Amino acid sequence: MPASATFIGALLGLGTQMYSNALRKLPYMRHPWEHVLGMGLGVVFANQLVKWDAQLQEDLDKMLEKAKAANERRYFDEDEG
């Protein structure tokens, strides 16, 4: 998973920089260091997005477990007492 996110982020950064140059009607590879910088930022963005999604899923699971426990206490504990 991290390898694919890294690759996708690199392509996203490279594509963004090339698109920016195309919009300004400049040569695609005008400053190669900008492409490297864009790829690096894309990699960081994609990897942080994957980490955020995993954390969000973990938090959602915790909240659903708490809600399930609260519902069980509300509806099943009253019948016993």
PDB file of N, CA and C in Angstrom:
ATOM      1  N   MET A   1       0.820  -1.208   0.000  1.00  0.00           N
ATOM      2  CA  MET A   1       0.000   0.000   0.000  1.00  0.00           C
ATOM      3  C   MET A   1       0.861   1.268   0.000  1.00  0.00           C
ATOM      4  N   PRO A   2       1.885   1.397   0.866  1.00  0.00           N
ATOM      5  CA  PRO A   2       2.678   2.619   0.839  1.00  0.00           C
ATOM      6  C   PRO A   2       3.430   2.806  -0.481  1.00  0.00           C
ATOM      7  N   ALA A   3       3.842   1.707  -1.124  1.00  0.00           N
ATOM      8  CA  ALA A   3       4.564   1.847  -2.384  1.00  0.00           C
ATOM      9  C   ALA A   3       3.648   2.400  -3.468  1.00  0.00           C
ATOM     10  N   SER A   4       2.420   1.943  -3.508  1.00  0.00           N
ATOM     11  CA  SER A   4       1.498   2.453  -4.523  1.00  0.00           C
ATOM     12  C   SER A   4       1.134   3.912  -4.230  1.00  0.00           C
ATOM     13  N   ALA A   5       0.964   4.260  -2.952  1.00  0.00           N
ATOM     14  CA  ALA A   5       0.658   5.653  -2.608  1.00  0.00           C
ATOM     15  C   ALA A   5       1.835   6.555  -2.972  1.00  0.00           C
ATOM     16  N   THR A   6       3.045   6.073  -2.766  1.00  0.00           N
ATOM     17  CA  THR A   6       4.230   6.846  -3.119  1.00  0.00           C
ATOM     18  C   THR A   6       4.290   7.073  -4.619  1.00  0.00           C
ATOM     19  N   PHE A   7       4.042   6.026  -5.379  1.00  0.00           N
ATOM     20  CA  PHE A   7       4.082   6.130  -6.837  1.00  0.00           C
ATOM     21  C   PHE A   7       2.983   7.059  -7.353  1.00  0.00           C
ATOM     22  N   ILE A   8       1.799   6.913  -6.825  1.00  0.00           N
ATOM     23  CA  ILE A   8       0.679   7.770  -7.252  1.00  0.00           C
ATOM     24  C   ILE A   8       0.951   9.224  -6.880  1.00  0.00           C
ATOM     25  N   GLY A   9       1.510   9.450  -5.690  1.00  0.00           N
ATOM     26  CA  GLY A   9       1.844  10.811  -5.278  1.00  0.00           C
ATOM     27  C   GLY A   9       2.901  11.436  -6.167  1.00  0.00           C
ATOM     28  N   ALA A  10       3.894  10.645  -6.546  1.00  0.00           N
ATOM     29  CA  ALA A  10       4.935  11.155  -7.443  1.00  0.00           C
ATOM     30  C   ALA A  10       4.342  11.525  -8.798  1.00  0.00           C
ATOM     31  N   LEU A  11       3.462  10.680  -9.311  1.00  0.00           N
ATOM     32  CA  LEU A  11       2.815  11.000 -10.586  1.00  0.00           C
ATOM     33  C   LEU A  11       1.920  12.231 -10.467  1.00  0.00           C
ATOM     34  N   LEU A  12       1.244  12.356  -9.339  1.00  0.00           N
ATOM     35  CA  LEU A  12       0.392  13.524  -9.108  1.00  0.00           C
ATOM     36  C   LEU A  12       1.225  14.805  -9.100  1.00  0.00           C
ATOM     37  N   GLY A  13       2.343  14.794  -8.398  1.00  0.00           N
ATOM     38  CA  GLY A  13       3.206  15.975  -8.349  1.00  0.00           C
ATOM     39  C   GLY A  13       3.806  16.308  -9.703  1.00  0.00           C
ATOM     40  N   LEU A  14       4.259  15.285 -10.416  1.00  0.00           N
ATOM     41  CA  LEU A  14       4.831  15.508 -11.740  1.00  0.00           C
ATOM     42  C   LEU A  14       3.766  16.032 -12.699  1.00  0.00           C
ATOM     43  N   GLY A  15       2.603  15.431 -12.663  1.00  0.00           N
ATOM     44  CA  GLY A  15       1.526  15.871 -13.544  1.00  0.00           C
ATOM     45  C   GLY A  15       1.082  17.288 -13.256  1.00  0.00           C
ATOM     46  N   THR A  16       1.045  17.652 -11.991  1.00  0.00           N
ATOM     47  CA  THR A  16       0.653  19.009 -11.615  1.00  0.00           C
ATOM     48  C   THR A  16       1.649  20.027 -12.149  1.00  0.00           C
ATOM     49  N   GLN A  17       2.925  19.724 -12.028  1.00  0.00           N
ATOM     50  CA  GLN A  17       3.947  20.650 -12.508  1.00  0.00           C
ATOM     51  C   GLN A  17       3.918  20.754 -14.031  1.00  0.00           C
ATOM     52  N   MET A  18       3.752  19.637 -14.706  1.00  0.00           N
ATOM     53  CA  MET A  18       3.690  19.676 -16.169  1.00  0.00           C
ATOM     54  C   MET A  18       2.438  20.412 -16.644  1.00  0.00           C
ATOM     55  N   TYR A  19       1.321  20.222 -15.956  1.00  0.00           N
ATOM     56  CA  TYR A  19       0.088  20.929 -16.289  1.00  0.00           C
ATOM     57  C   TYR A  19       0.254  22.435 -16.072  1.00  0.00           C
ATOM     58  N   SER A  20       0.936  22.795 -14.996  1.00  0.00           N
ATOM     59  CA  SER A  20       1.182  24.208 -14.720  1.00  0.00           C
ATOM     60  C   SER A  20       2.012  24.838 -15.833  1.00  0.00           C
ATOM     61  N   ASN A  21       3.040  24.128 -16.285  1.00  0.00           N
ATOM     62  CA  ASN A  21       3.854  24.646 -17.381  1.00  0.00           C
ATOM     63  C   ASN A  21       3.046  24.720 -18.676  1.00  0.00           C
ATOM     64  N   ALA A  22       2.180  23.748 -18.899  1.00  0.00           N
ATOM     65  CA  ALA A  22       1.377  23.759 -20.121  1.00  0.00           C
ATOM     66  C   ALA A  22       0.399  24.934 -20.124  1.00  0.00           C
ATOM     67  N   LEU A  23      -0.209  25.220 -18.971  1.00  0.00           N
ATOM     68  CA  LEU A  23      -1.131  26.353 -18.898  1.00  0.00           C
ATOM     69  C   LEU A  23      -0.437  27.682 -19.186  1.00  0.00           C
ATOM     70  N   ARG A  24       0.808  27.777 -18.745  1.00  0.00           N
ATOM     71  CA  ARG A  24       1.557  29.009 -18.970  1.00  0.00           C
ATOM     72  C   ARG A  24       2.279  29.014 -20.316  1.00  0.00           C
ATOM     73  N   LYS A  25       2.055  27.971 -21.131  1.00  0.00           N
ATOM     74  CA  LYS A  25       2.659  27.807 -22.458  1.00  0.00           C
ATOM     75  C   LYS A  25       4.185  27.866 -22.390  1.00  0.00           C
ATOM     76  N   LEU A  26       4.727  27.147 -21.411  1.00  0.00           N
ATOM     77  CA  LEU A  26       6.166  27.007 -21.250  1.00  0.00           C
ATOM     78  C   LEU A  26       6.557  25.593 -21.647  1.00  0.00           C
ATOM     79  N   PRO A  27       7.828  25.355 -21.908  1.00  0.00           N
ATOM     80  CA  PRO A  27       8.248  23.969 -22.166  1.00  0.00           C
ATOM     81  C   PRO A  27       7.944  23.094 -20.943  1.00  0.00           C
ATOM     82  N   TYR A  28       7.551  21.850 -21.192  1.00  0.00           N
ATOM     83  CA  TYR A  28       7.154  20.964 -20.095  1.00  0.00           C
ATOM     84  C   TYR A  28       8.258  20.790 -19.048  1.00  0.00           C
ATOM     85  N   MET A  29       9.486  20.633 -19.491  1.00  0.00           N
ATOM     86  CA  MET A  29      10.595  20.386 -18.566  1.00  0.00           C
ATOM     87  C   MET A  29      11.474  21.633 -18.436  1.00  0.00           C
ATOM     88  N   ARG A  30      10.860  22.774 -18.198  1.00  0.00           N
ATOM     89  CA  ARG A  30      11.586  24.044 -18.133  1.00  0.00           C
ATOM     90  C   ARG A  30      12.604  24.046 -17.008  1.00  0.00           C
ATOM     91  N   HIS A  31      12.184  23.767 -15.798  1.00  0.00           N
ATOM     92  CA  HIS A  31      13.079  23.666 -14.645  1.00  0.00           C
ATOM     93  C   HIS A  31      12.891  22.286 -14.025  1.00  0.00           C
ATOM     94  N   PRO A  32      13.799  21.357 -14.297  1.00  0.00           N
ATOM     95  CA  PRO A  32      13.614  19.987 -13.780  1.00  0.00           C
ATOM     96  C   PRO A  32      13.539  19.911 -12.251  1.00  0.00           C
ATOM     97  N   TRP A  33      14.184  20.815 -11.553  1.00  0.00           N
ATOM     98  CA  TRP A  33      14.145  20.774 -10.096  1.00  0.00           C
ATOM     99  C   TRP A  33      12.730  21.028  -9.581  1.00  0.00           C
ATOM    100  N   GLU A  34      11.929  21.796 -10.322  1.00  0.00           N
ATOM    101  CA  GLU A  34      10.540  22.011  -9.925  1.00  0.00           C
ATOM    102  C   GLU A  34       9.745  20.707 -10.016  1.00  0.00           C
ATOM    103  N   HIS A  35      10.098  19.879 -10.981  1.00  0.00           N
ATOM    104  CA  HIS A  35       9.420  18.592 -11.122  1.00  0.00           C
ATOM    105  C   HIS A  35       9.772  17.672  -9.956  1.00  0.00           C
ATOM    106  N   VAL A  36      11.029  17.694  -9.573  1.00  0.00           N
ATOM    107  CA  VAL A  36      11.461  16.876  -8.434  1.00  0.00           C
ATOM    108  C   VAL A  36      10.776  17.360  -7.163  1.00  0.00           C
ATOM    109  N   LEU A  37      10.704  18.661  -6.981  1.00  0.00           N
ATOM    110  CA  LEU A  37      10.027  19.232  -5.821  1.00  0.00           C
ATOM    111  C   LEU A  37       8.544  18.873  -5.826  1.00  0.00           C
ATOM    112  N   GLY A  38       7.901  18.980  -6.981  1.00  0.00           N
ATOM    113  CA  GLY A  38       6.492  18.617  -7.101  1.00  0.00           C
ATOM    114  C   GLY A  38       6.257  17.144  -6.808  1.00  0.00           C
ATOM    115  N   MET A  39       7.157  16.290  -7.295  1.00  0.00           N
ATOM    116  CA  MET A  39       7.027  14.857  -7.018  1.00  0.00           C
ATOM    117  C   MET A  39       7.183  14.584  -5.526  1.00  0.00           C
ATOM    118  N   GLY A  40       8.128  15.265  -4.886  1.00  0.00           N
ATOM    119  CA  GLY A  40       8.321  15.080  -3.446  1.00  0.00           C
ATOM    120  C   GLY A  40       7.099  15.513  -2.652  1.00  0.00           C
ATOM    121  N   LEU A  41       6.536  16.650  -3.014  1.00  0.00           N
ATOM    122  CA  LEU A  41       5.335  17.119  -2.323  1.00  0.00           C
ATOM    123  C   LEU A  41       4.153  16.192  -2.579  1.00  0.00           C
ATOM    124  N   GLY A  42       4.058  15.661  -3.792  1.00  0.00           N
ATOM    125  CA  GLY A  42       2.995  14.710  -4.103  1.00  0.00           C
ATOM    126  C   GLY A  42       3.123  13.435  -3.299  1.00  0.00           C
ATOM    127  N   VAL A  43       4.348  12.952  -3.114  1.00  0.00           N
ATOM    128  CA  VAL A  43       4.590  11.743  -2.314  1.00  0.00           C
ATOM    129  C   VAL A  43       4.184  11.982  -0.866  1.00  0.00           C
ATOM    130  N   VAL A  44       4.579  13.116  -0.319  1.00  0.00           N
ATOM    131  CA  VAL A  44       4.222  13.437   1.066  1.00  0.00           C
ATOM    132  C   VAL A  44       2.705  13.538   1.203  1.00  0.00           C
ATOM    133  N   PHE A  45       2.055  14.203   0.266  1.00  0.00           N
ATOM    134  CA  PHE A  45       0.601  14.363   0.308  1.00  0.00           C
ATOM    135  C   PHE A  45      -0.103  13.011   0.252  1.00  0.00           C
ATOM    136  N   ALA A  46       0.302  12.161  -0.679  1.00  0.00           N
ATOM    137  CA  ALA A  46      -0.371  10.862  -0.833  1.00  0.00           C
ATOM    138  C   ALA A  46      -0.157   9.980   0.396  1.00  0.00           C
ATOM    139  N   ASN A  47       1.052   9.965   0.935  1.00  0.00           N
ATOM    140  CA  ASN A  47       1.308   9.136   2.116  1.00  0.00           C
ATOM    141  C   ASN A  47       0.565   9.651   3.340  1.00  0.00           C
ATOM    142  N   GLN A  48       0.476  10.960   3.508  1.00  0.00           N
ATOM    143  CA  GLN A  48      -0.299  11.513   4.620  1.00  0.00           C
ATOM    144  C   GLN A  48      -1.780  11.221   4.449  1.00  0.00           C
ATOM    145  N   LEU A  49      -2.260  11.221   3.221  1.00  0.00           N
ATOM    146  CA  LEU A  49      -3.656  10.900   2.955  1.00  0.00           C
ATOM    147  C   LEU A  49      -3.965   9.451   3.336  1.00  0.00           C
ATOM    148  N   VAL A  50      -3.040   8.546   3.043  1.00  0.00           N
ATOM    149  CA  VAL A  50      -3.225   7.137   3.407  1.00  0.00           C
ATOM    150  C   VAL A  50      -3.227   6.980   4.931  1.00  0.00           C
ATOM    151  N   LYS A  51      -2.293   7.652   5.609  1.00  0.00           N
ATOM    152  CA  LYS A  51      -2.255   7.592   7.073  1.00  0.00           C
ATOM    153  C   LYS A  51      -3.521   8.169   7.688  1.00  0.00           C
ATOM    154  N   TRP A  52      -3.999   9.290   7.140  1.00  0.00           N
ATOM    155  CA  TRP A  52      -5.206   9.924   7.648  1.00  0.00           C
ATOM    156  C   TRP A  52      -6.407   9.019   7.461  1.00  0.00           C
ATOM    157  N   ASP A  53      -6.500   8.351   6.312  1.00  0.00           N
ATOM    158  CA  ASP A  53      -7.608   7.448   6.046  1.00  0.00           C
ATOM    159  C   ASP A  53      -7.591   6.262   7.016  1.00  0.00           C
ATOM    160  N   ALA A  54      -6.417   5.720   7.306  1.00  0.00           N
ATOM    161  CA  ALA A  54      -6.319   4.606   8.249  1.00  0.00           C
ATOM    162  C   ALA A  54      -6.724   5.055   9.653  1.00  0.00           C
ATOM    163  N   GLN A  55      -6.286   6.229  10.069  1.00  0.00           N
ATOM    164  CA  GLN A  55      -6.648   6.752  11.384  1.00  0.00           C
ATOM    165  C   GLN A  55      -8.143   7.025  11.460  1.00  0.00           C
ATOM    166  N   LEU A  56      -8.709   7.552  10.382  1.00  0.00           N
ATOM    167  CA  LEU A  56     -10.140   7.826  10.336  1.00  0.00           C
ATOM    168  C   LEU A  56     -10.949   6.537  10.456  1.00  0.00           C
ATOM    169  N   GLN A  57     -10.510   5.486   9.786  1.00  0.00           N
ATOM    170  CA  GLN A  57     -11.194   4.198   9.871  1.00  0.00           C
ATOM    171  C   GLN A  57     -11.113   3.628  11.288  1.00  0.00           C
ATOM    172  N   GLU A  58      -9.954   3.771  11.914  1.00  0.00           N
ATOM    173  CA  GLU A  58      -9.776   3.291  13.287  1.00  0.00           C
ATOM    174  C   GLU A  58     -10.692   4.060  14.249  1.00  0.00           C
ATOM    175  N   ASP A  59     -10.752   5.375  14.094  1.00  0.00           N
ATOM    176  CA  ASP A  59     -11.622   6.190  14.948  1.00  0.00           C
ATOM    177  C   ASP A  59     -13.094   5.838  14.736  1.00  0.00           C
ATOM    178  N   LEU A  60     -13.469   5.594  13.477  1.00  0.00           N
ATOM    179  CA  LEU A  60     -14.847   5.219  13.183  1.00  0.00           C
ATOM    180  C   LEU A  60     -15.207   3.890  13.825  1.00  0.00           C
ATOM    181  N   ASP A  61     -14.288   2.929  13.763  1.00  0.00           N
ATOM    182  CA  ASP A  61     -14.544   1.634  14.404  1.00  0.00           C
ATOM    183  C   ASP A  61     -14.738   1.784  15.907  1.00  0.00           C
ATOM    184  N   LYS A  62     -13.916   2.630  16.536  1.00  0.00           N
ATOM    185  CA  LYS A  62     -14.052   2.871  17.973  1.00  0.00           C
ATOM    186  C   LYS A  62     -15.406   3.506  18.294  1.00  0.00           C
ATOM    187  N   MET A  63     -15.806   4.485  17.499  1.00  0.00           N
ATOM    188  CA  MET A  63     -17.080   5.166  17.746  1.00  0.00           C
ATOM    189  C   MET A  63     -18.253   4.219  17.546  1.00  0.00           C
ATOM    190  N   LEU A  64     -18.192   3.364  16.541  1.00  0.00           N
ATOM    191  CA  LEU A  64     -19.264   2.401  16.315  1.00  0.00           C
ATOM    192  C   LEU A  64     -19.339   1.380  17.443  1.00  0.00           C
ATOM    193  N   GLU A  65     -18.197   0.972  17.966  1.00  0.00           N
ATOM    194  CA  GLU A  65     -18.176   0.035  19.089  1.00  0.00           C
ATOM    195  C   GLU A  65     -18.777   0.680  20.339  1.00  0.00           C
ATOM    196  N   LYS A  66     -18.450   1.952  20.583  1.00  0.00           N
ATOM    197  CA  LYS A  66     -19.030   2.665  21.725  1.00  0.00           C
ATOM    198  C   LYS A  66     -20.533   2.826  21.567  1.00  0.00           C
ATOM    199  N   ALA A  67     -20.983   3.140  20.363  1.00  0.00           N
ATOM    200  CA  ALA A  67     -22.418   3.302  20.122  1.00  0.00           C
ATOM    201  C   ALA A  67     -23.148   1.969  20.299  1.00  0.00           C
ATOM    202  N   LYS A  68     -22.528   0.889  19.849  1.00  0.00           N
ATOM    203  CA  LYS A  68     -23.140  -0.427  20.007  1.00  0.00           C
ATOM    204  C   LYS A  68     -23.249  -0.789  21.487  1.00  0.00           C
ATOM    205  N   ALA A  69     -22.191  -0.512  22.243  1.00  0.00           N
ATOM    206  CA  ALA A  69     -22.216  -0.799  23.678  1.00  0.00           C
ATOM    207  C   ALA A  69     -23.266   0.061  24.381  1.00  0.00           C
ATOM    208  N   ALA A  70     -23.398   1.327  23.994  1.00  0.00           N
ATOM    209  CA  ALA A  70     -24.398   2.205  24.604  1.00  0.00           C
ATOM    210  C   ALA A  70     -25.808   1.720  24.285  1.00  0.00           C
ATOM    211  N   ASN A  71     -26.031   1.293  23.070  1.00  0.00           N
ATOM    212  CA  ASN A  71     -27.348   0.775  22.700  1.00  0.00           C
ATOM    213  C   ASN A  71     -27.682  -0.498  23.464  1.00  0.00           C
ATOM    214  N   GLU A  72     -26.686  -1.354  23.634  1.00  0.00           N
ATOM    215  CA  GLU A  72     -26.927  -2.583  24.396  1.00  0.00           C
ATOM    216  C   GLU A  72     -27.250  -2.268  25.848  1.00  0.00           C
ATOM    217  N   ARG A  73     -26.549  -1.303  26.430  1.00  0.00           N
ATOM    218  CA  ARG A  73     -26.852  -0.910  27.815  1.00  0.00           C
ATOM    219  C   ARG A  73     -28.237  -0.305  27.913  1.00  0.00           C
ATOM    220  N   ARG A  74     -28.602   0.514  26.956  1.00  0.00           N
ATOM    221  CA  ARG A  74     -29.878   1.205  26.997  1.00  0.00           C
ATOM    222  C   ARG A  74     -31.053   0.244  26.866  1.00  0.00           C
ATOM    223  N   TYR A  75     -30.947  -0.708  25.958  1.00  0.00           N
ATOM    224  CA  TYR A  75     -32.111  -1.551  25.674  1.00  0.00           C
ATOM    225  C   TYR A  75     -32.123  -2.882  26.406  1.00  0.00           C
ATOM    226  N   PHE A  76     -30.956  -3.407  26.750  1.00  0.00           N
ATOM    227  CA  PHE A  76     -30.936  -4.735  27.370  1.00  0.00           C
ATOM    228  C   PHE A  76     -30.761  -4.684  28.868  1.00  0.00           C
ATOM    229  N   ASP A  77     -30.098  -3.680  29.406  1.00  0.00           N
ATOM    230  CA  ASP A  77     -29.893  -3.588  30.855  1.00  0.00           C
ATOM    231  C   ASP A  77     -31.172  -3.175  31.565  1.00  0.00           C
ATOM    232  N   GLU A  78     -32.052  -2.429  30.907  1.00  0.00           N
ATOM    233  CA  GLU A  78     -33.291  -2.006  31.551  1.00  0.00           C
ATOM    234  C   GLU A  78     -34.226  -3.193  31.811  1.00  0.00           C
ATOM    235  N   ASP A  79     -34.227  -4.177  30.936  1.00  0.00           N
ATOM    236  CA  ASP A  79     -35.098  -5.336  31.086  1.00  0.00           C
ATOM    237  C   ASP A  79     -34.689  -6.198  32.270  1.00  0.00           C
ATOM    238  N   GLU A  80     -33.406  -6.248  32.559  1.00  0.00           N
ATOM    239  CA  GLU A  80     -32.932  -7.111  33.655  1.00  0.00           C
ATOM    240  C   GLU A  80     -33.218  -6.509  35.005  1.00  0.00           C
ATOM    241  N   GLY A  81     -33.200  -5.178  35.139  1.00  0.00           N
ATOM    242  CA  GLY A  81     -33.322  -4.527  36.430  1.00  0.00           C
ATOM    243  C   GLY A  81     -34.715  -4.301  36.797  1.00  0.00           C
TER     244      GLY A  81
END
